[in-house]
Amino acid sequence: MSDDTPETLAVPDAERVRELLEAHVPLTLIADLTAAEAVPSQEILEKEGLPEEEWWQPENGTPQASGDGRS
C-alpha cells in the first residue's frame, strides 16, 4: 500500500459497528463518536441545551429491566 491509501477498518472495529447498528444505535451517532475531531458532549449541551422532554427517563422514576440482563 502507498502512504496515501486510506486505512480500512480492522475486522474487530467493523464487527463492533455492526453490533451497535444491530442494537439500533443511529449510524450518525456512531459516525460522530468515531470522528477524529469529535465535539465534546459538554460543548454540545451548552450550545443546544437539554430537550424539553426527558425521553431517557422512565415514566415512574424507576429504571425498567430489559429482560436481557441489562437494565
PDB file of N, CA and C in Angstrom:
ATOM      1  N   MET A   1       0.844  -1.192   0.000  1.00  0.00           N
ATOM      2  CA  MET A   1       0.000   0.000   0.000  1.00  0.00           C
ATOM      3  C   MET A   1       0.876   1.237   0.000  1.00  0.00           C
ATOM      4  N   SER A   2       0.415   2.259  -0.671  1.00  0.00           N
ATOM      5  CA  SER A   2       1.147   3.515  -0.644  1.00  0.00           C
ATOM      6  C   SER A   2       0.709   4.330   0.563  1.00  0.00           C
ATOM      7  N   ASP A   3       1.468   5.378   0.858  1.00  0.00           N
ATOM      8  CA  ASP A   3       1.177   6.208   2.030  1.00  0.00           C
ATOM      9  C   ASP A   3      -0.142   6.959   1.905  1.00  0.00           C
ATOM     10  N   ASP A   4      -0.629   7.171   0.676  1.00  0.00           N
ATOM     11  CA  ASP A   4      -1.864   7.937   0.510  1.00  0.00           C
ATOM     12  C   ASP A   4      -3.114   7.056   0.426  1.00  0.00           C
ATOM     13  N   THR A   5      -2.965   5.762   0.656  1.00  0.00           N
ATOM     14  CA  THR A   5      -4.111   4.854   0.653  1.00  0.00           C
ATOM     15  C   THR A   5      -4.833   4.943   1.986  1.00  0.00           C
ATOM     16  N   PRO A   6      -6.158   5.194   1.969  1.00  0.00           N
ATOM     17  CA  PRO A   6      -6.880   5.264   3.250  1.00  0.00           C
ATOM     18  C   PRO A   6      -6.859   3.911   3.955  1.00  0.00           C
ATOM     19  N   GLU A   7      -6.766   3.957   5.258  1.00  0.00           N
ATOM     20  CA  GLU A   7      -6.790   2.726   6.041  1.00  0.00           C
ATOM     21  C   GLU A   7      -8.220   2.209   6.110  1.00  0.00           C
ATOM     22  N   THR A   8      -8.373   0.900   6.132  1.00  0.00           N
ATOM     23  CA  THR A   8      -9.698   0.312   6.282  1.00  0.00           C
ATOM     24  C   THR A   8      -9.904  -0.060   7.735  1.00  0.00           C
ATOM     25  N   LEU A   9     -11.160  -0.236   8.102  1.00  0.00           N
ATOM     26  CA  LEU A   9     -11.469  -0.652   9.464  1.00  0.00           C
ATOM     27  C   LEU A   9     -10.903  -2.035   9.723  1.00  0.00           C
ATOM     28  N   ALA A  10     -10.332  -2.215  10.877  1.00  0.00           N
ATOM     29  CA  ALA A  10      -9.911  -3.548  11.283  1.00  0.00           C
ATOM     30  C   ALA A  10     -11.168  -4.387  11.491  1.00  0.00           C
ATOM     31  N   VAL A  11     -11.077  -5.666  11.308  1.00  0.00           N
ATOM     32  CA  VAL A  11     -12.249  -6.538  11.437  1.00  0.00           C
ATOM     33  C   VAL A  11     -12.946  -6.377  12.785  1.00  0.00           C
ATOM     34  N   PRO A  12     -12.220  -6.341  13.928  1.00  0.00           N
ATOM     35  CA  PRO A  12     -12.928  -6.146  15.209  1.00  0.00           C
ATOM     36  C   PRO A  12     -13.709  -4.830  15.246  1.00  0.00           C
ATOM     37  N   ASP A  13     -13.157  -3.757  14.648  1.00  0.00           N
ATOM     38  CA  ASP A  13     -13.868  -2.477  14.620  1.00  0.00           C
ATOM     39  C   ASP A  13     -15.142  -2.580  13.787  1.00  0.00           C
ATOM     40  N   ALA A  14     -15.053  -3.234  12.641  1.00  0.00           N
ATOM     41  CA  ALA A  14     -16.229  -3.404  11.793  1.00  0.00           C
ATOM     42  C   ALA A  14     -17.279  -4.244  12.506  1.00  0.00           C
ATOM     43  N   GLU A  15     -16.842  -5.258  13.219  1.00  0.00           N
ATOM     44  CA  GLU A  15     -17.765  -6.111  13.977  1.00  0.00           C
ATOM     45  C   GLU A  15     -18.470  -5.293  15.061  1.00  0.00           C
ATOM     46  N   ARG A  16     -17.731  -4.429  15.735  1.00  0.00           N
ATOM     47  CA  ARG A  16     -18.318  -3.591  16.792  1.00  0.00           C
ATOM     48  C   ARG A  16     -19.358  -2.639  16.207  1.00  0.00           C
ATOM     49  N   VAL A  17     -19.054  -2.045  15.066  1.00  0.00           N
ATOM     50  CA  VAL A  17     -20.012  -1.155  14.411  1.00  0.00           C
ATOM     51  C   VAL A  17     -21.275  -1.935  14.052  1.00  0.00           C
ATOM     52  N   ARG A  18     -21.120  -3.146  13.532  1.00  0.00           N
ATOM     53  CA  ARG A  18     -22.271  -3.987  13.191  1.00  0.00           C
ATOM     54  C   ARG A  18     -23.120  -4.256  14.432  1.00  0.00           C
ATOM     55  N   GLU A  19     -22.461  -4.550  15.556  1.00  0.00           N
ATOM     56  CA  GLU A  19     -23.187  -4.807  16.802  1.00  0.00           C
ATOM     57  C   GLU A  19     -23.958  -3.572  17.251  1.00  0.00           C
ATOM     58  N   LEU A  20     -23.334  -2.405  17.132  1.00  0.00           N
ATOM     59  CA  LEU A  20     -24.013  -1.164  17.512  1.00  0.00           C
ATOM     60  C   LEU A  20     -25.226  -0.905  16.621  1.00  0.00           C
ATOM     61  N   LEU A  21     -25.069  -1.147  15.329  1.00  0.00           N
ATOM     62  CA  LEU A  21     -26.196  -0.972  14.414  1.00  0.00           C
ATOM     63  C   LEU A  21     -27.320  -1.950  14.731  1.00  0.00           C
ATOM     64  N   GLU A  22     -26.970  -3.186  15.058  1.00  0.00           N
ATOM     65  CA  GLU A  22     -27.989  -4.176  15.433  1.00  0.00           C
ATOM     66  C   GLU A  22     -28.700  -3.779  16.724  1.00  0.00           C
ATOM     67  N   ALA A  23     -28.013  -3.017  17.587  1.00  0.00           N
ATOM     68  CA  ALA A  23     -28.612  -2.539  18.833  1.00  0.00           C
ATOM     69  C   ALA A  23     -29.398  -1.246  18.607  1.00  0.00           C
ATOM     70  N   HIS A  24     -29.559  -0.870  17.333  1.00  0.00           N
ATOM     71  CA  HIS A  24     -30.339   0.299  16.925  1.00  0.00           C
ATOM     72  C   HIS A  24     -29.688   1.623  17.300  1.00  0.00           C
ATOM     73  N   VAL A  25     -28.359   1.639  17.455  1.00  0.00           N
ATOM     74  CA  VAL A  25     -27.644   2.899  17.644  1.00  0.00           C
ATOM     75  C   VAL A  25     -27.610   3.577  16.273  1.00  0.00           C
ATOM     76  N   PRO A  26     -28.052   4.832  16.178  1.00  0.00           N
ATOM     77  CA  PRO A  26     -28.081   5.503  14.880  1.00  0.00           C
ATOM     78  C   PRO A  26     -26.686   5.604  14.257  1.00  0.00           C
ATOM     79  N   LEU A  27     -26.623   5.384  12.952  1.00  0.00           N
ATOM     80  CA  LEU A  27     -25.357   5.456  12.237  1.00  0.00           C
ATOM     81  C   LEU A  27     -24.712   6.827  12.407  1.00  0.00           C
ATOM     82  N   THR A  28     -25.525   7.882  12.419  1.00  0.00           N
ATOM     83  CA  THR A  28     -24.964   9.222  12.583  1.00  0.00           C
ATOM     84  C   THR A  28     -24.282   9.375  13.936  1.00  0.00           C
ATOM     85  N   LEU A  29     -24.831   8.751  14.983  1.00  0.00           N
ATOM     86  CA  LEU A  29     -24.206   8.805  16.301  1.00  0.00           C
ATOM     87  C   LEU A  29     -22.885   8.050  16.291  1.00  0.00           C
ATOM     88  N   ILE A  30     -22.865   6.881  15.662  1.00  0.00           N
ATOM     89  CA  ILE A  30     -21.618   6.114  15.564  1.00  0.00           C
ATOM     90  C   ILE A  30     -20.565   6.941  14.830  1.00  0.00           C
ATOM     91  N   ALA A  31     -20.965   7.582  13.738  1.00  0.00           N
ATOM     92  CA  ALA A  31     -20.028   8.412  12.979  1.00  0.00           C
ATOM     93  C   ALA A  31     -19.516   9.569  13.827  1.00  0.00           C
ATOM     94  N   ASP A  32     -20.408  10.225  14.562  1.00  0.00           N
ATOM     95  CA  ASP A  32     -19.995  11.338  15.424  1.00  0.00           C
ATOM     96  C   ASP A  32     -19.028  10.881  16.508  1.00  0.00           C
ATOM     97  N   LEU A  33     -19.303   9.735  17.107  1.00  0.00           N
ATOM     98  CA  LEU A  33     -18.463   9.244  18.201  1.00  0.00           C
ATOM     99  C   LEU A  33     -17.092   8.791  17.731  1.00  0.00           C
ATOM    100  N   THR A  34     -16.987   8.394  16.478  1.00  0.00           N
ATOM    101  CA  THR A  34     -15.712   7.902  15.973  1.00  0.00           C
ATOM    102  C   THR A  34     -14.965   8.934  15.140  1.00  0.00           C
ATOM    103  N   ALA A  35     -15.538  10.112  14.979  1.00  0.00           N
ATOM    104  CA  ALA A  35     -14.886  11.159  14.194  1.00  0.00           C
ATOM    105  C   ALA A  35     -13.589  11.588  14.862  1.00  0.00           C
ATOM    106  N   ALA A  36     -12.605  11.875  14.036  1.00  0.00           N
ATOM    107  CA  ALA A  36     -11.292  12.274  14.554  1.00  0.00           C
ATOM    108  C   ALA A  36     -11.379  13.556  15.378  1.00  0.00           C
ATOM    109  N   GLU A  37     -12.251  14.461  14.971  1.00  0.00           N
ATOM    110  CA  GLU A  37     -12.384  15.736  15.675  1.00  0.00           C
ATOM    111  C   GLU A  37     -13.770  15.847  16.300  1.00  0.00           C
ATOM    112  N   ALA A  38     -14.113  14.907  17.138  1.00  0.00           N
ATOM    113  CA  ALA A  38     -15.426  14.890  17.778  1.00  0.00           C
ATOM    114  C   ALA A  38     -15.585  16.082  18.716  1.00  0.00           C
ATOM    115  N   VAL A  39     -16.791  16.621  18.748  1.00  0.00           N
ATOM    116  CA  VAL A  39     -17.111  17.729  19.644  1.00  0.00           C
ATOM    117  C   VAL A  39     -17.477  17.136  20.998  1.00  0.00           C
ATOM    118  N   PRO A  40     -16.871  17.640  22.085  1.00  0.00           N
ATOM    119  CA  PRO A  40     -17.209  17.122  23.419  1.00  0.00           C
ATOM    120  C   PRO A  40     -18.693  17.313  23.733  1.00  0.00           C
ATOM    121  N   SER A  41     -19.296  16.312  24.378  1.00  0.00           N
ATOM    122  CA  SER A  41     -20.728  16.375  24.668  1.00  0.00           C
ATOM    123  C   SER A  41     -21.089  17.566  25.547  1.00  0.00           C
ATOM    124  N   GLN A  42     -20.210  17.971  26.444  1.00  0.00           N
ATOM    125  CA  GLN A  42     -20.491  19.133  27.293  1.00  0.00           C
ATOM    126  C   GLN A  42     -20.643  20.386  26.435  1.00  0.00           C
ATOM    127  N   GLU A  43     -19.821  20.503  25.404  1.00  0.00           N
ATOM    128  CA  GLU A  43     -19.913  21.648  24.498  1.00  0.00           C
ATOM    129  C   GLU A  43     -21.236  21.632  23.730  1.00  0.00           C
ATOM    130  N   ILE A  44     -21.662  20.460  23.301  1.00  0.00           N
ATOM    131  CA  ILE A  44     -22.949  20.327  22.607  1.00  0.00           C
ATOM    132  C   ILE A  44     -24.087  20.700  23.549  1.00  0.00           C
ATOM    133  N   LEU A  45     -24.035  20.207  24.786  1.00  0.00           N
ATOM    134  CA  LEU A  45     -25.075  20.506  25.770  1.00  0.00           C
ATOM    135  C   LEU A  45     -25.168  22.004  26.024  1.00  0.00           C
ATOM    136  N   GLU A  46     -24.024  22.670  26.175  1.00  0.00           N
ATOM    137  CA  GLU A  46     -24.032  24.109  26.417  1.00  0.00           C
ATOM    138  C   GLU A  46     -24.617  24.870  25.229  1.00  0.00           C
ATOM    139  N   LYS A  47     -24.343  24.395  24.022  1.00  0.00           N
ATOM    140  CA  LYS A  47     -24.820  25.075  22.819  1.00  0.00           C
ATOM    141  C   LYS A  47     -26.301  24.797  22.555  1.00  0.00           C
ATOM    142  N   GLU A  48     -26.717  23.524  22.691  1.00  0.00           N
ATOM    143  CA  GLU A  48     -28.079  23.132  22.326  1.00  0.00           C
ATOM    144  C   GLU A  48     -29.040  23.058  23.498  1.00  0.00           C
ATOM    145  N   GLY A  49     -28.535  22.843  24.709  1.00  0.00           N
ATOM    146  CA  GLY A  49     -29.393  22.712  25.875  1.00  0.00           C
ATOM    147  C   GLY A  49     -30.064  21.355  25.936  1.00  0.00           C
ATOM    148  N   LEU A  50     -30.745  21.105  27.039  1.00  0.00           N
ATOM    149  CA  LEU A  50     -31.466  19.845  27.218  1.00  0.00           C
ATOM    150  C   LEU A  50     -32.779  19.886  26.445  1.00  0.00           C
ATOM    151  N   PRO A  51     -33.254  18.750  25.968  1.00  0.00           N
ATOM    152  CA  PRO A  51     -34.557  18.724  25.300  1.00  0.00           C
ATOM    153  C   PRO A  51     -35.671  18.961  26.317  1.00  0.00           C
ATOM    154  N   GLU A  52     -36.815  19.445  25.844  1.00  0.00           N
ATOM    155  CA  GLU A  52     -37.948  19.687  26.739  1.00  0.00           C
ATOM    156  C   GLU A  52     -38.450  18.392  27.357  1.00  0.00           C
ATOM    157  N   GLU A  53     -38.497  17.326  26.578  1.00  0.00           N
ATOM    158  CA  GLU A  53     -38.964  16.035  27.072  1.00  0.00           C
ATOM    159  C   GLU A  53     -37.760  15.154  27.396  1.00  0.00           C
ATOM    160  N   GLU A  54     -37.676  14.724  28.636  1.00  0.00           N
ATOM    161  CA  GLU A  54     -36.576  13.843  29.045  1.00  0.00           C
ATOM    162  C   GLU A  54     -36.952  12.408  28.692  1.00  0.00           C
ATOM    163  N   TRP A  55     -36.870  12.058  27.409  1.00  0.00           N
ATOM    164  CA  TRP A  55     -37.306  10.769  26.896  1.00  0.00           C
ATOM    165  C   TRP A  55     -36.518   9.599  27.473  1.00  0.00           C
ATOM    166  N   TRP A  56     -35.342   9.861  28.005  1.00  0.00           N
ATOM    167  CA  TRP A  56     -34.494   8.791  28.538  1.00  0.00           C
ATOM    168  C   TRP A  56     -34.868   8.417  29.970  1.00  0.00           C
ATOM    169  N   GLN A  57     -35.709   9.230  30.610  1.00  0.00           N
ATOM    170  CA  GLN A  57     -36.125   8.956  31.981  1.00  0.00           C
ATOM    171  C   GLN A  57     -37.340   8.030  31.976  1.00  0.00           C
ATOM    172  N   PRO A  58     -37.355   7.006  32.850  1.00  0.00           N
ATOM    173  CA  PRO A  58     -38.537   6.150  32.940  1.00  0.00           C
ATOM    174  C   PRO A  58     -39.727   6.950  33.464  1.00  0.00           C
ATOM    175  N   GLU A  59     -40.914   6.541  33.087  1.00  0.00           N
ATOM    176  CA  GLU A  59     -42.121   7.285  33.451  1.00  0.00           C
ATOM    177  C   GLU A  59     -42.353   7.348  34.948  1.00  0.00           C
ATOM    178  N   ASN A  60     -42.064   6.278  35.684  1.00  0.00           N
ATOM    179  CA  ASN A  60     -42.321   6.270  37.124  1.00  0.00           C
ATOM    180  C   ASN A  60     -41.062   6.549  37.950  1.00  0.00           C
ATOM    181  N   GLY A  61     -39.960   6.900  37.294  1.00  0.00           N
ATOM    182  CA  GLY A  61     -38.729   7.212  38.008  1.00  0.00           C
ATOM    183  C   GLY A  61     -37.865   6.013  38.330  1.00  0.00           C
ATOM    184  N   THR A  62     -38.349   4.804  38.016  1.00  0.00           N
ATOM    185  CA  THR A  62     -37.591   3.585  38.278  1.00  0.00           C
ATOM    186  C   THR A  62     -37.135   2.987  36.957  1.00  0.00           C
ATOM    187  N   PRO A  63     -35.846   2.708  36.812  1.00  0.00           N
ATOM    188  CA  PRO A  63     -35.384   2.095  35.562  1.00  0.00           C
ATOM    189  C   PRO A  63     -36.073   0.761  35.321  1.00  0.00           C
ATOM    190  N   GLN A  64     -36.421   0.500  34.081  1.00  0.00           N
ATOM    191  CA  GLN A  64     -37.083  -0.740  33.704  1.00  0.00           C
ATOM    192  C   GLN A  64     -36.043  -1.776  33.295  1.00  0.00           C
ATOM    193  N   ALA A  65     -36.198  -3.001  33.752  1.00  0.00           N
ATOM    194  CA  ALA A  65     -35.310  -4.086  33.333  1.00  0.00           C
ATOM    195  C   ALA A  65     -35.654  -4.461  31.906  1.00  0.00           C
ATOM    196  N   SER A  66     -34.633  -4.710  31.104  1.00  0.00           N
ATOM    197  CA  SER A  66     -34.864  -5.044  29.702  1.00  0.00           C
ATOM    198  C   SER A  66     -35.123  -6.523  29.489  1.00  0.00           C
ATOM    199  N   GLY A  67     -34.857  -7.364  30.501  1.00  0.00           N
ATOM    200  CA  GLY A  67     -35.075  -8.793  30.363  1.00  0.00           C
ATOM    201  C   GLY A  67     -33.889  -9.532  29.787  1.00  0.00           C
ATOM    202  N   ASP A  68     -32.872  -8.795  29.346  1.00  0.00           N
ATOM    203  CA  ASP A  68     -31.706  -9.454  28.767  1.00  0.00           C
ATOM    204  C   ASP A  68     -30.478  -9.352  29.672  1.00  0.00           C
ATOM    205  N   GLY A  69     -30.712  -9.090  30.957  1.00  0.00           N
ATOM    206  CA  GLY A  69     -29.601  -8.980  31.900  1.00  0.00           C
ATOM    207  C   GLY A  69     -29.064  -7.580  32.052  1.00  0.00           C
ATOM    208  N   ARG A  70     -29.533  -6.675  31.189  1.00  0.00           N
ATOM    209  CA  ARG A  70     -29.132  -5.272  31.299  1.00  0.00           C
ATOM    210  C   ARG A  70     -30.322  -4.472  31.784  1.00  0.00           C
ATOM    211  N   SER A  71     -30.085  -3.358  32.515  1.00  0.00           N
ATOM    212  CA  SER A  71     -31.222  -2.552  32.939  1.00  0.00           C
ATOM    213  C   SER A  71     -31.338  -1.315  32.109  1.00  0.00           C
TER     214      SER A  71
END
